[in-house]
Amino acid sequence: MPGSSRKAPVWLPILVLLIAMSSIQSGASLAKSLFP
């Protein structure tokens, strides 16, 4: 079934979103330490 193979990369945008959120949080904490 081609549908099952197309359903595989569904987690990809979720992974990208998690990486973006973690990078934003680390950037915010870095800015907090730079500018108290």
PDB file of N, CA and C in Angstrom:
ATOM      1  N   MET A   1       0.832  -1.209   0.000  1.00  0.00           N
ATOM      2  CA  MET A   1       0.000   0.000   0.000  1.00  0.00           C
ATOM      3  C   MET A   1       0.868   1.262   0.000  1.00  0.00           C
ATOM      4  N   PRO A   2       0.650   2.148  -0.945  1.00  0.00           N
ATOM      5  CA  PRO A   2       1.429   3.395  -0.990  1.00  0.00           C
ATOM      6  C   PRO A   2       1.003   4.367   0.110  1.00  0.00           C
ATOM      7  N   GLY A   3      -0.205   4.205   0.624  1.00  0.00           N
ATOM      8  CA  GLY A   3      -0.688   5.115   1.663  1.00  0.00           C
ATOM      9  C   GLY A   3       0.110   4.981   2.953  1.00  0.00           C
ATOM     10  N   SER A   4       0.524   3.749   3.296  1.00  0.00           N
ATOM     11  CA  SER A   4       1.263   3.557   4.535  1.00  0.00           C
ATOM     12  C   SER A   4       2.641   4.213   4.446  1.00  0.00           C
ATOM     13  N   SER A   5       3.260   4.171   3.262  1.00  0.00           N
ATOM     14  CA  SER A   5       4.580   4.785   3.119  1.00  0.00           C
ATOM     15  C   SER A   5       4.462   6.306   3.143  1.00  0.00           C
ATOM     16  N   ARG A   6       3.344   6.831   2.661  1.00  0.00           N
ATOM     17  CA  ARG A   6       3.148   8.280   2.700  1.00  0.00           C
ATOM     18  C   ARG A   6       2.839   8.756   4.117  1.00  0.00           C
ATOM     19  N   LYS A   7       2.371   7.839   4.952  1.00  0.00           N
ATOM     20  CA  LYS A   7       2.012   8.217   6.319  1.00  0.00           C
ATOM     21  C   LYS A   7       3.231   8.203   7.243  1.00  0.00           C
ATOM     22  N   ALA A   8       4.367   7.714   6.748  1.00  0.00           N
ATOM     23  CA  ALA A   8       5.538   7.562   7.609  1.00  0.00           C
ATOM     24  C   ALA A   8       6.079   8.902   8.126  1.00  0.00           C
ATOM     25  N   PRO A   9       6.297   9.907   7.273  1.00  0.00           N
ATOM     26  CA  PRO A   9       6.948  11.140   7.756  1.00  0.00           C
ATOM     27  C   PRO A   9       5.996  12.090   8.474  1.00  0.00           C
ATOM     28  N   VAL A  10       4.957  11.551   9.122  1.00  0.00           N
ATOM     29  CA  VAL A  10       4.022  12.420   9.847  1.00  0.00           C
ATOM     30  C   VAL A  10       4.698  13.017  11.079  1.00  0.00           C
ATOM     31  N   TRP A  11       5.648  12.268  11.655  1.00  0.00           N
ATOM     32  CA  TRP A  11       6.326  12.745  12.863  1.00  0.00           C
ATOM     33  C   TRP A  11       7.375  13.802  12.549  1.00  0.00           C
ATOM     34  N   LEU A  12       7.695  13.980  11.263  1.00  0.00           N
ATOM     35  CA  LEU A  12       8.764  14.918  10.900  1.00  0.00           C
ATOM     36  C   LEU A  12       8.448  16.350  11.321  1.00  0.00           C
ATOM     37  N   PRO A  13       7.281  16.916  10.972  1.00  0.00           N
ATOM     38  CA  PRO A  13       6.981  18.286  11.415  1.00  0.00           C
ATOM     39  C   PRO A  13       6.897  18.411  12.930  1.00  0.00           C
ATOM     40  N   ILE A  14       6.475  17.327  13.605  1.00  0.00           N
ATOM     41  CA  ILE A  14       6.430  17.356  15.067  1.00  0.00           C
ATOM     42  C   ILE A  14       7.846  17.444  15.624  1.00  0.00           C
ATOM     43  N   LEU A  15       8.765  16.688  15.028  1.00  0.00           N
ATOM     44  CA  LEU A  15      10.155  16.722  15.476  1.00  0.00           C
ATOM     45  C   LEU A  15      10.752  18.103  15.234  1.00  0.00           C
ATOM     46  N   VAL A  16      10.462  18.682  14.057  1.00  0.00           N
ATOM     47  CA  VAL A  16      10.977  20.021  13.747  1.00  0.00           C
ATOM     48  C   VAL A  16      10.419  21.036  14.738  1.00  0.00           C
ATOM     49  N   LEU A  17       9.142  20.891  15.085  1.00  0.00           N
ATOM     50  CA  LEU A  17       8.525  21.823  16.033  1.00  0.00           C
ATOM     51  C   LEU A  17       9.177  21.702  17.409  1.00  0.00           C
ATOM     52  N   LEU A  18       9.464  20.467  17.836  1.00  0.00           N
ATOM     53  CA  LEU A  18      10.097  20.273  19.140  1.00  0.00           C
ATOM     54  C   LEU A  18      11.493  20.883  19.155  1.00  0.00           C
ATOM     55  N   ILE A  19      12.248  20.686  18.059  1.00  0.00           N
ATOM     56  CA  ILE A  19      13.597  21.250  17.980  1.00  0.00           C
ATOM     57  C   ILE A  19      13.533  22.772  17.998  1.00  0.00           C
ATOM     58  N   ALA A  20      12.557  23.335  17.275  1.00  0.00           N
ATOM     59  CA  ALA A  20      12.425  24.796  17.241  1.00  0.00           C
ATOM     60  C   ALA A  20      12.084  25.333  18.630  1.00  0.00           C
ATOM     61  N   MET A  21      11.166  24.659  19.330  1.00  0.00           N
ATOM     62  CA  MET A  21      10.777  25.121  20.662  1.00  0.00           C
ATOM     63  C   MET A  21      11.950  25.043  21.634  1.00  0.00           C
ATOM     64  N   SER A  22      12.715  23.963  21.575  1.00  0.00           N
ATOM     65  CA  SER A  22      13.846  23.821  22.492  1.00  0.00           C
ATOM     66  C   SER A  22      14.922  24.856  22.181  1.00  0.00           C
ATOM     67  N   SER A  23      15.141  25.140  20.881  1.00  0.00           N
ATOM     68  CA  SER A  23      16.156  26.133  20.519  1.00  0.00           C
ATOM     69  C   SER A  23      15.708  27.526  20.948  1.00  0.00           C
ATOM     70  N   ILE A  24      14.409  27.801  20.854  1.00  0.00           N
ATOM     71  CA  ILE A  24      13.894  29.108  21.279  1.00  0.00           C
ATOM     72  C   ILE A  24      14.034  29.253  22.794  1.00  0.00           C
ATOM     73  N   GLN A  25      13.756  28.178  23.523  1.00  0.00           N
ATOM     74  CA  GLN A  25      13.867  28.234  24.982  1.00  0.00           C
ATOM     75  C   GLN A  25      15.322  28.420  25.404  1.00  0.00           C
ATOM     76  N   SER A  26      16.244  27.714  24.747  1.00  0.00           N
ATOM     77  CA  SER A  26      17.656  27.861  25.100  1.00  0.00           C
ATOM     78  C   SER A  26      18.139  29.260  24.731  1.00  0.00           C
ATOM     79  N   GLY A  27      17.644  29.800  23.625  1.00  0.00           N
ATOM     80  CA  GLY A  27      18.020  31.162  23.228  1.00  0.00           C
ATOM     81  C   GLY A  27      17.486  32.176  24.227  1.00  0.00           C
ATOM     82  N   ALA A  28      16.284  31.953  24.745  1.00  0.00           N
ATOM     83  CA  ALA A  28      15.710  32.876  25.719  1.00  0.00           C
ATOM     84  C   ALA A  28      16.507  32.836  27.022  1.00  0.00           C
ATOM     85  N   SER A  29      16.901  31.657  27.466  1.00  0.00           N
ATOM     86  CA  SER A  29      17.685  31.554  28.693  1.00  0.00           C
ATOM     87  C   SER A  29      19.069  32.175  28.493  1.00  0.00           C
ATOM     88  N   LEU A  30      19.617  32.033  27.295  1.00  0.00           N
ATOM     89  CA  LEU A  30      20.914  32.643  27.001  1.00  0.00           C
ATOM     90  C   LEU A  30      20.793  34.162  27.038  1.00  0.00           C
ATOM     91  N   ALA A  31      19.725  34.700  26.454  1.00  0.00           N
ATOM     92  CA  ALA A  31      19.518  36.150  26.475  1.00  0.00           C
ATOM     93  C   ALA A  31      19.309  36.631  27.912  1.00  0.00           C
ATOM     94  N   LYS A  32      18.642  35.813  28.725  1.00  0.00           N
ATOM     95  CA  LYS A  32      18.425  36.189  30.130  1.00  0.00           C
ATOM     96  C   LYS A  32      19.759  36.267  30.870  1.00  0.00           C
ATOM     97  N   SER A  33      20.656  35.336  30.572  1.00  0.00           N
ATOM     98  CA  SER A  33      21.944  35.348  31.263  1.00  0.00           C
ATOM     99  C   SER A  33      22.820  36.491  30.746  1.00  0.00           C
ATOM    100  N   LEU A  34      22.648  36.856  29.473  1.00  0.00           N
ATOM    101  CA  LEU A  34      23.439  37.955  28.912  1.00  0.00           C
ATOM    102  C   LEU A  34      22.920  39.302  29.405  1.00  0.00           C
ATOM    103  N   PHE A  35      21.584  39.445  29.437  1.00  0.00           N
ATOM    104  CA  PHE A  35      20.987  40.710  29.870  1.00  0.00           C
ATOM    105  C   PHE A  35      20.133  40.467  31.118  1.00  0.00           C
ATOM    106  N   PRO A  36      20.718  40.597  32.298  1.00  0.00           N
ATOM    107  CA  PRO A  36      20.008  40.307  33.545  1.00  0.00           C
ATOM    108  C   PRO A  36      18.964  41.391  33.869  1.00  0.00           C
TER     109      PRO A  36
END
